[in-house]
Amino acid sequence: MGLYRKARRYMSFPIAIKLMYIEAYFYLAWGRVFKLFPFQKVSPSLGEHMKETPYAGYTEQELSLVRQISRAVHAMSRVTWWESQCLVKAVAAMKMLERRGISSTFYLGSGRDDKGMMVAHAWLRCGSYIVTGREGHERYAVVGIFGRDMGAGGLNLKRPSDKEFLH
């Protein structure tokens, strides 16, 4: 698809989806910068080590939002001028979910490719839905799990009143 057709298609999206795509682009940039630092320094920002979030308990509204975030991250990763592979996409989607108060689990896996070389992969799960890194994640042995539990409340769509905020 040519640039003109992509731009025209983007312009036909509702404003909320346009903003989500722009947000995905910026979080992909943040994920790329994240990748430049030593993992030991940045791993605490991924969540609690070796803790998984629940596979169930998400509303249909939350799962719909998770799918939209997944589509936005994947679409924008194809137009970044930097490398936006599995780790960068997983970090971007995790930050977008965190911003919306939705729990997720970040997985790191390792395995061997067809030539016997060691390879790594990252993916993000929300409930039973694999948000990013779905392609081939079964071939990797999990070596790290980071759960970001946003509490039992889940998605918070209402703004707290001043009274709730102060107490």
C-alpha atoms as a PDB file:
ATOM      1  CA  MET A   1       0.000   0.000   0.000  1.00  0.00           C
ATOM      2  CA  GLY A   2       1.425   3.376  -0.984  1.00  0.00           C
ATOM      3  CA  LEU A   3       2.086   6.213   1.408  1.00  0.00           C
ATOM      4  CA  TYR A   4      -0.823   8.232   0.017  1.00  0.00           C
ATOM      5  CA  ARG A   5      -3.281   5.372   0.582  1.00  0.00           C
ATOM      6  CA  LYS A   6      -1.941   4.775   4.099  1.00  0.00           C
ATOM      7  CA  ALA A   7      -2.302   8.451   4.977  1.00  0.00           C
ATOM      8  CA  ARG A   8      -5.790   8.575   3.492  1.00  0.00           C
ATOM      9  CA  ARG A   9      -6.835   5.477   5.424  1.00  0.00           C
ATOM     10  CA  TYR A  10      -5.396   6.902   8.658  1.00  0.00           C
ATOM     11  CA  MET A  11      -7.354  10.126   8.139  1.00  0.00           C
ATOM     12  CA  SER A  12     -10.604   8.130   7.883  1.00  0.00           C
ATOM     13  CA  PHE A  13     -10.162   6.704  11.412  1.00  0.00           C
ATOM     14  CA  PRO A  14     -12.102   8.189  14.352  1.00  0.00           C
ATOM     15  CA  ILE A  15     -10.122  10.667  16.468  1.00  0.00           C
ATOM     16  CA  ALA A  16      -9.788   8.205  19.393  1.00  0.00           C
ATOM     17  CA  ILE A  17      -8.115   5.623  17.143  1.00  0.00           C
ATOM     18  CA  LYS A  18      -5.838   8.277  15.597  1.00  0.00           C
ATOM     19  CA  LEU A  19      -4.713   9.320  19.070  1.00  0.00           C
ATOM     20  CA  MET A  20      -4.122   5.686  20.044  1.00  0.00           C
ATOM     21  CA  TYR A  21      -1.917   5.202  16.955  1.00  0.00           C
ATOM     22  CA  ILE A  22       0.077   8.335  17.796  1.00  0.00           C
ATOM     23  CA  GLU A  23       0.440   7.112  21.386  1.00  0.00           C
ATOM     24  CA  ALA A  24       1.647   3.720  20.090  1.00  0.00           C
ATOM     25  CA  TYR A  25       4.272   5.452  17.943  1.00  0.00           C
ATOM     26  CA  PHE A  26       5.647   7.384  20.917  1.00  0.00           C
ATOM     27  CA  TYR A  27       5.671   4.332  23.196  1.00  0.00           C
ATOM     28  CA  LEU A  28       7.494   2.382  20.474  1.00  0.00           C
ATOM     29  CA  ALA A  29      10.137   5.129  20.539  1.00  0.00           C
ATOM     30  CA  TRP A  30      10.237   4.862  24.326  1.00  0.00           C
ATOM     31  CA  GLY A  31      10.595   1.083  24.023  1.00  0.00           C
ATOM     32  CA  ARG A  32      13.515   1.508  21.647  1.00  0.00           C
ATOM     33  CA  VAL A  33      15.282   3.843  24.101  1.00  0.00           C
ATOM     34  CA  PHE A  34      14.440   1.349  26.881  1.00  0.00           C
ATOM     35  CA  LYS A  35      16.330  -1.314  24.928  1.00  0.00           C
ATOM     36  CA  LEU A  36      19.528   0.772  24.979  1.00  0.00           C
ATOM     37  CA  PHE A  37      19.929   0.527  28.761  1.00  0.00           C
ATOM     38  CA  PRO A  38      21.257  -2.509  30.684  1.00  0.00           C
ATOM     39  CA  PHE A  39      18.413  -4.907  31.391  1.00  0.00           C
ATOM     40  CA  GLN A  40      19.238  -5.072  35.094  1.00  0.00           C
ATOM     41  CA  LYS A  41      18.590  -1.325  35.387  1.00  0.00           C
ATOM     42  CA  VAL A  42      15.279  -1.270  33.507  1.00  0.00           C
ATOM     43  CA  SER A  43      13.751  -4.610  34.543  1.00  0.00           C
ATOM     44  CA  PRO A  44      12.074  -3.201  37.696  1.00  0.00           C
ATOM     45  CA  SER A  45       9.921  -0.997  35.442  1.00  0.00           C
ATOM     46  CA  LEU A  46       8.496  -4.115  33.749  1.00  0.00           C
ATOM     47  CA  GLY A  47       6.627  -5.248  36.848  1.00  0.00           C
ATOM     48  CA  GLU A  48       7.055  -7.776  39.626  1.00  0.00           C
ATOM     49  CA  HIS A  49       9.578 -10.474  38.713  1.00  0.00           C
ATOM     50  CA  MET A  50       8.201 -14.031  38.304  1.00  0.00           C
ATOM     51  CA  LYS A  51       4.598 -12.963  38.918  1.00  0.00           C
ATOM     52  CA  GLU A  52       1.837 -13.705  36.433  1.00  0.00           C
ATOM     53  CA  THR A  53      -1.426 -11.829  36.182  1.00  0.00           C
ATOM     54  CA  PRO A  54      -4.761 -13.701  36.006  1.00  0.00           C
ATOM     55  CA  TYR A  55      -5.910 -15.355  32.777  1.00  0.00           C
ATOM     56  CA  ALA A  56      -9.559 -14.487  33.453  1.00  0.00           C
ATOM     57  CA  GLY A  57     -11.599 -11.698  34.952  1.00  0.00           C
ATOM     58  CA  TYR A  58     -11.471  -9.177  32.120  1.00  0.00           C
ATOM     59  CA  THR A  59     -14.596  -7.517  30.790  1.00  0.00           C
ATOM     60  CA  GLU A  60     -15.506  -7.540  27.109  1.00  0.00           C
ATOM     61  CA  GLN A  61     -14.857  -3.781  27.055  1.00  0.00           C
ATOM     62  CA  GLU A  62     -11.328  -4.277  28.395  1.00  0.00           C
ATOM     63  CA  LEU A  63     -10.575  -7.058  25.911  1.00  0.00           C
ATOM     64  CA  SER A  64     -11.816  -4.898  23.047  1.00  0.00           C
ATOM     65  CA  LEU A  65      -9.492  -2.120  24.183  1.00  0.00           C
ATOM     66  CA  VAL A  66      -6.598  -4.594  24.465  1.00  0.00           C
ATOM     67  CA  ARG A  67      -7.206  -5.726  20.864  1.00  0.00           C
ATOM     68  CA  GLN A  68      -7.221  -2.087  19.685  1.00  0.00           C
ATOM     69  CA  ILE A  69      -3.918  -1.479  21.467  1.00  0.00           C
ATOM     70  CA  SER A  70      -2.458  -4.608  19.886  1.00  0.00           C
ATOM     71  CA  ARG A  71      -3.505  -3.466  16.398  1.00  0.00           C
ATOM     72  CA  ALA A  72      -2.152   0.048  16.992  1.00  0.00           C
ATOM     73  CA  VAL A  73       1.248  -1.197  18.200  1.00  0.00           C
ATOM     74  CA  HIS A  74       1.612  -3.659  15.321  1.00  0.00           C
ATOM     75  CA  ALA A  75       0.535  -1.114  12.705  1.00  0.00           C
ATOM     76  CA  MET A  76       2.820   1.633  13.965  1.00  0.00           C
ATOM     77  CA  SER A  77       5.791  -0.741  14.369  1.00  0.00           C
ATOM     78  CA  ARG A  78       5.755  -1.163  10.586  1.00  0.00           C
ATOM     79  CA  VAL A  79       6.227   2.580   9.979  1.00  0.00           C
ATOM     80  CA  THR A  80       8.916   3.410  12.538  1.00  0.00           C
ATOM     81  CA  TRP A  81      12.343   4.210  11.126  1.00  0.00           C
ATOM     82  CA  TRP A  82      13.979   2.334  14.014  1.00  0.00           C
ATOM     83  CA  GLU A  83      13.869  -1.392  14.737  1.00  0.00           C
ATOM     84  CA  SER A  84      10.572  -2.233  16.451  1.00  0.00           C
ATOM     85  CA  GLN A  85      10.640  -5.964  17.020  1.00  0.00           C
ATOM     86  CA  CYS A  86       9.231  -8.091  19.820  1.00  0.00           C
ATOM     87  CA  LEU A  87      10.831  -6.438  22.870  1.00  0.00           C
ATOM     88  CA  VAL A  88      10.055  -2.892  21.732  1.00  0.00           C
ATOM     89  CA  LYS A  89       6.448  -3.806  20.849  1.00  0.00           C
ATOM     90  CA  ALA A  90       5.893  -5.610  24.160  1.00  0.00           C
ATOM     91  CA  VAL A  91       7.202  -2.656  26.173  1.00  0.00           C
ATOM     92  CA  ALA A  92       5.084  -0.189  24.173  1.00  0.00           C
ATOM     93  CA  ALA A  93       1.898  -2.227  24.601  1.00  0.00           C
ATOM     94  CA  MET A  94       2.621  -2.770  28.302  1.00  0.00           C
ATOM     95  CA  LYS A  95       2.945   0.975  28.858  1.00  0.00           C
ATOM     96  CA  MET A  96      -0.282   1.633  26.959  1.00  0.00           C
ATOM     97  CA  LEU A  97      -2.128  -0.953  29.055  1.00  0.00           C
ATOM     98  CA  GLU A  98      -0.582   0.369  32.260  1.00  0.00           C
ATOM     99  CA  ARG A  99      -1.772   3.877  31.381  1.00  0.00           C
ATOM    100  CA  ARG A 100      -5.310   2.504  31.135  1.00  0.00           C
ATOM    101  CA  GLY A 101      -5.100   0.501  34.376  1.00  0.00           C
ATOM    102  CA  ILE A 102      -5.136  -2.936  32.726  1.00  0.00           C
ATOM    103  CA  SER A 103      -2.947  -5.728  34.125  1.00  0.00           C
ATOM    104  CA  SER A 104      -0.520  -7.570  31.863  1.00  0.00           C
ATOM    105  CA  THR A 105       2.304 -10.103  31.993  1.00  0.00           C
ATOM    106  CA  PHE A 106       5.574  -9.582  30.127  1.00  0.00           C
ATOM    107  CA  TYR A 107       7.418 -12.768  29.071  1.00  0.00           C
ATOM    108  CA  LEU A 108      11.010 -13.254  27.975  1.00  0.00           C
ATOM    109  CA  GLY A 109      11.930 -16.493  26.277  1.00  0.00           C
ATOM    110  CA  SER A 110      14.976 -18.079  24.704  1.00  0.00           C
ATOM    111  CA  GLY A 111      15.473 -20.888  22.251  1.00  0.00           C
ATOM    112  CA  ARG A 112      17.413 -21.974  19.193  1.00  0.00           C
ATOM    113  CA  ASP A 113      16.761 -21.074  15.575  1.00  0.00           C
ATOM    114  CA  ASP A 114      17.047 -23.405  12.571  1.00  0.00           C
ATOM    115  CA  LYS A 115      20.827 -22.979  12.494  1.00  0.00           C
ATOM    116  CA  GLY A 116      21.213 -23.826  16.185  1.00  0.00           C
ATOM    117  CA  MET A 117      21.943 -20.236  17.207  1.00  0.00           C
ATOM    118  CA  MET A 118      20.562 -18.896  20.486  1.00  0.00           C
ATOM    119  CA  VAL A 119      17.644 -16.493  19.941  1.00  0.00           C
ATOM    120  CA  ALA A 120      15.390 -14.558  22.288  1.00  0.00           C
ATOM    121  CA  HIS A 121      11.785 -13.426  22.108  1.00  0.00           C
ATOM    122  CA  ALA A 122       9.490 -11.202  24.170  1.00  0.00           C
ATOM    123  CA  TRP A 123       5.704 -11.211  24.298  1.00  0.00           C
ATOM    124  CA  LEU A 124       2.954  -9.605  26.318  1.00  0.00           C
ATOM    125  CA  ARG A 125      -0.190 -11.298  27.604  1.00  0.00           C
ATOM    126  CA  CYS A 126      -3.339  -9.710  28.958  1.00  0.00           C
ATOM    127  CA  GLY A 127      -5.816 -12.267  30.234  1.00  0.00           C
ATOM    128  CA  SER A 128      -5.688 -15.122  27.743  1.00  0.00           C
ATOM    129  CA  TYR A 129      -4.955 -12.762  24.837  1.00  0.00           C
ATOM    130  CA  ILE A 130      -1.381 -12.442  23.534  1.00  0.00           C
ATOM    131  CA  VAL A 131      -1.105  -8.709  22.846  1.00  0.00           C
ATOM    132  CA  THR A 132       2.299  -8.742  21.116  1.00  0.00           C
ATOM    133  CA  GLY A 133       4.762 -11.449  20.128  1.00  0.00           C
ATOM    134  CA  ARG A 134       2.126 -14.076  19.359  1.00  0.00           C
ATOM    135  CA  GLU A 135       4.028 -15.276  16.285  1.00  0.00           C
ATOM    136  CA  GLY A 136       6.049 -18.302  17.373  1.00  0.00           C
ATOM    137  CA  HIS A 137       6.105 -17.672  21.120  1.00  0.00           C
ATOM    138  CA  GLU A 138       5.446 -21.390  21.752  1.00  0.00           C
ATOM    139  CA  ARG A 139       8.933 -22.277  20.452  1.00  0.00           C
ATOM    140  CA  TYR A 140      10.658 -20.419  23.296  1.00  0.00           C
ATOM    141  CA  ALA A 141      11.352 -21.521  26.852  1.00  0.00           C
ATOM    142  CA  VAL A 142      10.229 -18.856  29.308  1.00  0.00           C
ATOM    143  CA  VAL A 143      13.223 -17.430  31.187  1.00  0.00           C
ATOM    144  CA  GLY A 144      11.617 -14.356  32.711  1.00  0.00           C
ATOM    145  CA  ILE A 145       8.127 -13.269  33.726  1.00  0.00           C
ATOM    146  CA  PHE A 146       7.171  -9.786  34.850  1.00  0.00           C
ATOM    147  CA  GLY A 147       3.612  -9.189  36.033  1.00  0.00           C
ATOM    148  CA  ARG A 148       2.116  -5.757  36.252  1.00  0.00           C
ATOM    149  CA  ASP A 149      -1.058  -6.117  38.321  1.00  0.00           C
ATOM    150  CA  MET A 150      -3.119  -2.972  38.230  1.00  0.00           C
ATOM    151  CA  GLY A 151      -5.387  -4.080  41.070  1.00  0.00           C
ATOM    152  CA  ALA A 152      -8.752  -5.736  41.215  1.00  0.00           C
ATOM    153  CA  GLY A 153     -10.486  -2.670  39.846  1.00  0.00           C
ATOM    154  CA  GLY A 154      -9.184  -3.155  36.318  1.00  0.00           C
ATOM    155  CA  LEU A 155     -10.147  -0.503  33.814  1.00  0.00           C
ATOM    156  CA  ASN A 156     -11.089   2.777  35.451  1.00  0.00           C
ATOM    157  CA  LEU A 157     -13.323   4.723  33.088  1.00  0.00           C
ATOM    158  CA  LYS A 158     -14.759   7.164  35.603  1.00  0.00           C
ATOM    159  CA  ARG A 159     -12.943  10.099  37.065  1.00  0.00           C
ATOM    160  CA  PRO A 160     -12.810  10.094  40.880  1.00  0.00           C
ATOM    161  CA  SER A 161     -14.587  12.942  42.619  1.00  0.00           C
ATOM    162  CA  ASP A 162     -12.596  15.390  44.709  1.00  0.00           C
ATOM    163  CA  LYS A 163     -13.908  13.696  47.851  1.00  0.00           C
ATOM    164  CA  GLU A 164     -12.602  10.268  46.728  1.00  0.00           C
ATOM    165  CA  PHE A 165      -9.328  11.802  45.618  1.00  0.00           C
ATOM    166  CA  LEU A 166      -8.616  13.491  48.967  1.00  0.00           C
ATOM    167  CA  HIS A 167      -9.333  10.402  51.093  1.00  0.00           C
END
